[in-house]
């Protein structure tokens, strides 16, 4: 069974770059036809899909975040990463990485089968 674990700083200053990494175990990020995604949940709000990277390295982003978001991968470490730049306090949220095995651009968070436990990121000076 695929397991995911988010890691990264819990506090980021406004205007700086938020960088998170998702480490995958129990499967390879290059396995057909998996997609690997980032989702966040601001306090008191619902889940928001941010973007994804496919098993072959293609990326897709939420239109509302596209100008500030980059998702990349390191196949040698079986990891994929999120960068969000610049950040504001409104980017404070719990950030999750997730996956499913059906190639497609899934923008509804509940379409993802396996999730990390989430990591809290606070944007504050």
N, C-alpha and C. Protein backbone atom coordinates (compact mmCIF):
# COMPACT_ATOMS: atom_id res chain seq x y z
N UNK A 1 0.83 -1.18 0.00
CA UNK A 1 0.00 0.00 0.00
C UNK A 1 0.88 1.25 0.00
N UNK A 2 0.49 2.18 -0.82
CA UNK A 2 1.26 3.42 -0.93
C UNK A 2 1.09 4.25 0.33
N UNK A 3 2.21 4.79 0.81
CA UNK A 3 2.19 5.70 1.95
C UNK A 3 2.89 6.99 1.56
N UNK A 4 2.36 8.11 2.06
CA UNK A 4 2.90 9.42 1.74
C UNK A 4 3.17 10.19 3.03
N UNK A 5 4.25 10.97 3.01
CA UNK A 5 4.61 11.76 4.18
C UNK A 5 5.10 13.13 3.76
N UNK A 6 4.42 14.16 4.23
CA UNK A 6 4.82 15.52 3.93
C UNK A 6 5.91 15.98 4.88
N UNK A 7 6.76 16.86 4.39
CA UNK A 7 7.78 17.46 5.25
C UNK A 7 8.11 18.85 4.74
N UNK A 8 8.54 19.70 5.67
CA UNK A 8 8.88 21.06 5.32
C UNK A 8 8.72 21.98 6.51
N UNK A 9 9.10 23.23 6.36
CA UNK A 9 9.00 24.17 7.47
C UNK A 9 7.55 24.48 7.84
N UNK A 10 7.31 24.65 9.13
CA UNK A 10 5.97 24.95 9.58
C UNK A 10 5.66 26.44 9.59
N UNK A 11 6.68 27.26 9.43
CA UNK A 11 6.48 28.72 9.48
C UNK A 11 7.24 29.35 8.32
N UNK A 12 6.54 30.17 7.56
CA UNK A 12 7.12 30.87 6.41
C UNK A 12 6.73 32.34 6.52
N UNK A 13 7.66 33.21 6.19
CA UNK A 13 7.36 34.64 6.26
C UNK A 13 6.67 35.10 4.97
N UNK A 14 5.81 36.10 5.08
CA UNK A 14 5.16 36.65 3.89
C UNK A 14 6.19 37.07 2.85
N UNK A 15 5.83 36.87 1.59
CA UNK A 15 6.63 37.19 0.40
C UNK A 15 7.72 36.16 0.12
N UNK A 16 7.90 35.21 1.03
CA UNK A 16 8.91 34.18 0.80
C UNK A 16 8.30 32.98 0.09
N UNK A 17 9.11 31.93 -0.08
CA UNK A 17 8.69 30.73 -0.79
C UNK A 17 8.38 29.60 0.18
N UNK A 18 7.21 29.02 0.00
CA UNK A 18 6.82 27.82 0.75
C UNK A 18 7.31 26.61 -0.04
N UNK A 19 8.08 25.75 0.60
CA UNK A 19 8.59 24.54 -0.06
C UNK A 19 8.26 23.32 0.79
N UNK A 20 7.56 22.38 0.21
CA UNK A 20 7.20 21.14 0.88
C UNK A 20 7.60 19.95 0.02
N UNK A 21 7.91 18.85 0.68
CA UNK A 21 8.27 17.62 -0.01
C UNK A 21 7.38 16.49 0.46
N UNK A 22 6.99 15.64 -0.47
CA UNK A 22 6.22 14.45 -0.15
C UNK A 22 7.08 13.22 -0.47
N UNK A 23 7.35 12.43 0.55
CA UNK A 23 8.14 11.21 0.37
C UNK A 23 7.19 10.03 0.26
N UNK A 24 7.37 9.25 -0.80
CA UNK A 24 6.47 8.14 -1.09
C UNK A 24 7.14 6.81 -0.79
N UNK A 25 6.42 5.93 -0.14
CA UNK A 25 6.90 4.57 0.10
C UNK A 25 5.82 3.58 -0.30
N UNK A 26 6.23 2.34 -0.55
CA UNK A 26 5.27 1.33 -0.94
C UNK A 26 4.90 1.37 -2.40
N UNK A 27 5.58 2.19 -3.18
CA UNK A 27 5.32 2.29 -4.60
C UNK A 27 6.20 3.37 -5.21
N UNK A 28 6.36 3.33 -6.51
CA UNK A 28 7.20 4.30 -7.21
C UNK A 28 6.37 5.42 -7.82
N UNK A 29 6.89 6.64 -7.77
CA UNK A 29 6.17 7.77 -8.36
C UNK A 29 6.16 7.71 -9.89
N UNK A 30 6.92 6.76 -10.46
CA UNK A 30 6.94 6.62 -11.92
C UNK A 30 6.05 5.47 -12.40
N UNK A 31 5.33 4.84 -11.48
CA UNK A 31 4.46 3.73 -11.87
C UNK A 31 3.27 4.24 -12.68
N UNK A 32 3.07 3.63 -13.84
CA UNK A 32 1.88 3.97 -14.61
C UNK A 32 0.63 3.71 -13.80
N UNK A 33 -0.33 4.38 -13.86
CA UNK A 33 -0.71 5.68 -14.36
C UNK A 33 -1.00 6.60 -13.17
N UNK A 34 -0.13 6.54 -12.17
CA UNK A 34 -0.35 7.31 -10.96
C UNK A 34 -0.24 8.82 -11.20
N UNK A 35 -1.04 9.54 -10.45
CA UNK A 35 -0.92 11.00 -10.39
C UNK A 35 -0.70 11.38 -8.94
N UNK A 36 0.12 12.42 -8.73
CA UNK A 36 0.56 12.82 -7.39
C UNK A 36 0.20 14.29 -7.20
N UNK A 37 -0.50 14.58 -6.13
CA UNK A 37 -1.12 15.90 -6.02
C UNK A 37 -0.84 16.58 -4.70
N UNK A 38 -1.06 17.87 -4.69
CA UNK A 38 -1.02 18.68 -3.46
C UNK A 38 -2.40 19.31 -3.26
N UNK A 39 -2.87 19.24 -2.02
CA UNK A 39 -4.17 19.75 -1.61
C UNK A 39 -3.96 20.47 -0.29
N UNK A 40 -4.70 21.54 -0.07
CA UNK A 40 -4.56 22.25 1.20
C UNK A 40 -5.92 22.57 1.80
N UNK A 41 -5.91 22.84 3.10
CA UNK A 41 -7.13 23.22 3.80
C UNK A 41 -6.84 24.37 4.74
N UNK A 42 -7.23 25.58 4.36
CA UNK A 42 -7.07 26.72 5.27
C UNK A 42 -7.96 26.56 6.49
N UNK A 43 -7.64 27.23 7.57
CA UNK A 43 -8.46 27.09 8.78
C UNK A 43 -9.90 27.52 8.53
N UNK A 44 -10.82 26.67 8.91
CA UNK A 44 -12.23 26.97 8.77
C UNK A 44 -12.79 26.87 7.37
N UNK A 45 -11.99 26.38 6.44
CA UNK A 45 -12.43 26.29 5.05
C UNK A 45 -12.32 24.86 4.53
N UNK A 46 -12.78 24.65 3.31
CA UNK A 46 -12.74 23.32 2.72
C UNK A 46 -11.41 23.01 2.06
N UNK A 47 -11.33 21.79 1.53
CA UNK A 47 -10.13 21.36 0.84
C UNK A 47 -10.00 22.05 -0.51
N UNK A 48 -8.79 22.41 -0.85
CA UNK A 48 -8.52 23.10 -2.12
C UNK A 48 -7.44 22.35 -2.88
N UNK A 49 -7.78 21.91 -4.09
CA UNK A 49 -6.80 21.25 -4.95
C UNK A 49 -5.86 22.29 -5.52
N UNK A 50 -4.54 21.98 -5.48
CA UNK A 50 -3.54 22.95 -5.92
C UNK A 50 -2.92 22.59 -7.27
N UNK A 51 -2.64 21.32 -7.46
CA UNK A 51 -1.99 20.89 -8.70
C UNK A 51 -1.50 19.47 -8.58
N UNK A 52 -0.98 18.93 -9.70
CA UNK A 52 -0.51 17.55 -9.68
C UNK A 52 0.64 17.34 -10.66
N UNK A 53 1.32 16.24 -10.45
CA UNK A 53 2.35 15.78 -11.38
C UNK A 53 2.05 14.32 -11.68
N UNK A 54 2.13 13.97 -12.95
CA UNK A 54 1.80 12.61 -13.34
C UNK A 54 3.01 11.68 -13.24
N UNK A 55 2.77 10.41 -13.44
CA UNK A 55 3.84 9.41 -13.35
C UNK A 55 4.97 9.68 -14.34
N UNK A 56 4.64 10.37 -15.44
CA UNK A 56 5.66 10.64 -16.45
C UNK A 56 6.13 12.10 -16.42
N UNK A 57 5.77 12.83 -15.36
CA UNK A 57 6.33 14.15 -15.14
C UNK A 57 5.54 15.33 -15.66
N UNK A 58 4.37 15.11 -16.23
CA UNK A 58 3.54 16.24 -16.67
C UNK A 58 2.90 16.91 -15.45
N UNK A 59 2.74 18.23 -15.55
CA UNK A 59 2.16 18.98 -14.43
C UNK A 59 0.92 19.74 -14.84
N UNK A 60 0.01 19.87 -13.88
CA UNK A 60 -1.23 20.62 -14.07
C UNK A 60 -1.49 21.38 -12.79
N UNK A 61 -2.00 22.63 -12.93
CA UNK A 61 -2.18 23.48 -11.77
C UNK A 61 -3.60 24.07 -11.74
N UNK A 62 -4.03 24.37 -10.51
CA UNK A 62 -5.26 25.11 -10.35
C UNK A 62 -5.09 26.48 -10.99
N UNK A 63 -6.05 26.92 -11.79
CA UNK A 63 -5.92 28.24 -12.44
C UNK A 63 -5.69 29.37 -11.44
N UNK A 64 -6.31 29.26 -10.27
CA UNK A 64 -6.21 30.34 -9.28
C UNK A 64 -4.82 30.41 -8.63
N UNK A 65 -4.06 29.34 -8.72
CA UNK A 65 -2.75 29.29 -8.07
C UNK A 65 -1.60 29.15 -9.06
N UNK A 66 -1.92 28.99 -10.32
CA UNK A 66 -0.92 28.63 -11.33
C UNK A 66 0.27 29.57 -11.38
N UNK A 67 0.01 30.87 -11.20
CA UNK A 67 1.10 31.85 -11.33
C UNK A 67 2.10 31.76 -10.19
N UNK A 68 1.70 31.11 -9.08
CA UNK A 68 2.58 31.06 -7.90
C UNK A 68 3.05 29.65 -7.55
N UNK A 69 2.61 28.64 -8.30
CA UNK A 69 2.82 27.25 -7.89
C UNK A 69 3.73 26.50 -8.85
N UNK A 70 4.58 25.67 -8.28
CA UNK A 70 5.41 24.77 -9.08
C UNK A 70 5.48 23.42 -8.37
N UNK A 71 5.24 22.36 -9.12
CA UNK A 71 5.36 21.00 -8.59
C UNK A 71 6.43 20.28 -9.39
N UNK A 72 7.34 19.65 -8.69
CA UNK A 72 8.44 18.93 -9.34
C UNK A 72 8.64 17.59 -8.66
N UNK A 73 9.59 16.79 -9.19
CA UNK A 73 9.82 15.49 -8.60
C UNK A 73 11.30 15.13 -8.63
N UNK A 74 11.66 14.23 -7.74
CA UNK A 74 13.00 13.64 -7.71
C UNK A 74 12.81 12.13 -7.72
N UNK A 75 12.94 11.55 -8.88
CA UNK A 75 12.66 10.11 -8.99
C UNK A 75 13.68 9.27 -8.24
N UNK A 76 14.90 9.80 -8.09
CA UNK A 76 15.93 9.03 -7.37
C UNK A 76 15.61 8.89 -5.89
N UNK A 77 14.84 9.86 -5.38
CA UNK A 77 14.46 9.83 -3.96
C UNK A 77 13.00 9.41 -3.77
N UNK A 78 12.29 9.19 -4.88
CA UNK A 78 10.87 8.86 -4.84
C UNK A 78 10.08 9.92 -4.07
N UNK A 79 10.34 11.16 -4.45
CA UNK A 79 9.70 12.31 -3.80
C UNK A 79 9.13 13.26 -4.86
N UNK A 80 8.10 14.00 -4.47
CA UNK A 80 7.66 15.13 -5.27
C UNK A 80 7.46 16.32 -4.35
N UNK A 81 7.57 17.51 -4.94
CA UNK A 81 7.65 18.71 -4.11
C UNK A 81 6.71 19.80 -4.60
N UNK A 82 6.40 20.70 -3.69
CA UNK A 82 5.56 21.86 -3.96
C UNK A 82 6.33 23.12 -3.60
N UNK A 83 6.28 24.09 -4.50
CA UNK A 83 6.77 25.42 -4.17
C UNK A 83 5.65 26.42 -4.45
N UNK A 84 5.44 27.34 -3.51
CA UNK A 84 4.43 28.38 -3.64
C UNK A 84 5.11 29.71 -3.32
N UNK A 85 5.09 30.61 -4.33
CA UNK A 85 5.85 31.85 -4.18
C UNK A 85 5.21 32.99 -4.96
N UNK A 86 5.01 34.16 -4.38
CA UNK A 86 5.24 34.46 -2.97
C UNK A 86 4.03 34.08 -2.12
N UNK A 87 4.24 33.88 -0.85
CA UNK A 87 3.13 33.53 0.04
C UNK A 87 2.62 34.75 0.80
N UNK A 88 1.36 34.66 1.21
CA UNK A 88 0.72 35.65 2.06
C UNK A 88 0.10 34.91 3.23
N UNK A 89 -0.37 35.62 4.25
CA UNK A 89 -1.02 34.93 5.37
C UNK A 89 -2.21 34.07 4.94
N UNK A 90 -2.82 34.41 3.81
CA UNK A 90 -3.96 33.62 3.32
C UNK A 90 -3.54 32.21 2.86
N UNK A 91 -2.24 31.98 2.73
CA UNK A 91 -1.74 30.65 2.37
C UNK A 91 -1.55 29.76 3.59
N UNK A 92 -1.85 30.27 4.77
CA UNK A 92 -1.81 29.44 5.97
C UNK A 92 -2.83 28.32 5.86
N UNK A 93 -2.35 27.09 6.02
CA UNK A 93 -3.23 25.94 5.82
C UNK A 93 -2.51 24.67 6.25
N UNK A 94 -3.30 23.59 6.33
CA UNK A 94 -2.72 22.25 6.40
C UNK A 94 -2.54 21.79 4.96
N UNK A 95 -1.34 21.37 4.63
CA UNK A 95 -1.01 20.94 3.27
C UNK A 95 -0.89 19.41 3.24
N UNK A 96 -1.57 18.82 2.26
CA UNK A 96 -1.57 17.38 2.09
C UNK A 96 -1.00 17.00 0.74
N UNK A 97 -0.28 15.87 0.68
CA UNK A 97 0.00 15.24 -0.59
C UNK A 97 -0.87 13.99 -0.69
N UNK A 98 -1.22 13.64 -1.91
CA UNK A 98 -2.14 12.53 -2.12
C UNK A 98 -1.91 11.93 -3.50
N UNK A 99 -2.54 10.77 -3.74
CA UNK A 99 -2.34 10.10 -5.02
C UNK A 99 -3.54 9.23 -5.36
N UNK A 100 -3.70 8.97 -6.67
CA UNK A 100 -4.51 7.85 -7.11
C UNK A 100 -3.86 7.22 -8.32
N UNK A 101 -4.35 6.07 -8.70
CA UNK A 101 -3.68 5.27 -9.74
C UNK A 101 -4.36 5.37 -11.09
N UNK A 102 -5.23 6.37 -11.26
CA UNK A 102 -5.99 6.51 -12.51
C UNK A 102 -5.59 7.81 -13.17
N UNK A 103 -4.84 7.71 -14.25
CA UNK A 103 -4.33 8.90 -14.93
C UNK A 103 -5.45 9.84 -15.31
N UNK A 104 -5.32 11.09 -14.89
CA UNK A 104 -6.31 12.10 -15.21
C UNK A 104 -6.05 13.33 -14.36
N UNK A 105 -6.69 14.42 -14.73
CA UNK A 105 -6.53 15.66 -13.97
C UNK A 105 -7.72 15.77 -13.02
N UNK A 106 -7.55 15.26 -11.84
CA UNK A 106 -8.62 15.24 -10.85
C UNK A 106 -8.50 16.46 -9.95
N UNK A 107 -9.51 17.31 -9.98
CA UNK A 107 -9.46 18.55 -9.21
C UNK A 107 -10.33 18.48 -7.96
N UNK A 108 -11.03 17.38 -7.79
CA UNK A 108 -11.83 17.18 -6.59
C UNK A 108 -11.02 16.38 -5.59
N UNK A 109 -10.73 16.92 -4.44
CA UNK A 109 -9.84 16.24 -3.50
C UNK A 109 -10.26 14.82 -3.15
N UNK A 110 -11.55 14.56 -3.12
CA UNK A 110 -12.01 13.25 -2.67
C UNK A 110 -11.82 12.16 -3.72
N UNK A 111 -11.29 12.53 -4.88
CA UNK A 111 -10.99 11.53 -5.91
C UNK A 111 -9.65 10.84 -5.66
N UNK A 112 -8.91 11.29 -4.65
CA UNK A 112 -7.61 10.73 -4.36
C UNK A 112 -7.73 9.67 -3.26
N UNK A 113 -7.06 8.55 -3.49
CA UNK A 113 -7.25 7.38 -2.64
C UNK A 113 -6.32 7.32 -1.44
N UNK A 114 -5.11 7.79 -1.60
CA UNK A 114 -4.12 7.70 -0.53
C UNK A 114 -3.61 9.11 -0.20
N UNK A 115 -3.54 9.39 1.10
CA UNK A 115 -3.19 10.72 1.57
C UNK A 115 -2.07 10.65 2.61
N UNK A 116 -1.26 11.69 2.65
CA UNK A 116 -0.40 11.88 3.78
C UNK A 116 -1.19 12.40 4.97
N UNK A 117 -0.53 12.51 6.10
CA UNK A 117 -1.22 12.95 7.31
C UNK A 117 -1.42 14.46 7.34
N UNK A 118 -0.73 15.17 6.46
CA UNK A 118 -0.85 16.63 6.41
C UNK A 118 0.19 17.31 7.28
N UNK A 119 0.55 18.51 6.86
CA UNK A 119 1.50 19.30 7.62
C UNK A 119 1.01 20.75 7.70
N UNK A 120 1.03 21.30 8.88
CA UNK A 120 0.58 22.68 9.10
C UNK A 120 1.65 23.66 8.64
N UNK A 121 1.25 24.61 7.82
CA UNK A 121 2.14 25.69 7.42
C UNK A 121 1.48 27.00 7.78
N UNK A 122 2.17 27.82 8.52
CA UNK A 122 1.68 29.13 8.92
C UNK A 122 2.53 30.20 8.25
N UNK A 123 1.86 31.16 7.63
CA UNK A 123 2.57 32.28 7.00
C UNK A 123 2.40 33.49 7.90
N UNK A 124 3.48 33.92 8.48
CA UNK A 124 3.43 35.02 9.43
C UNK A 124 4.82 35.61 9.59
N UNK A 125 4.83 36.91 9.84
CA UNK A 125 6.11 37.58 10.09
C UNK A 125 6.49 37.49 11.56
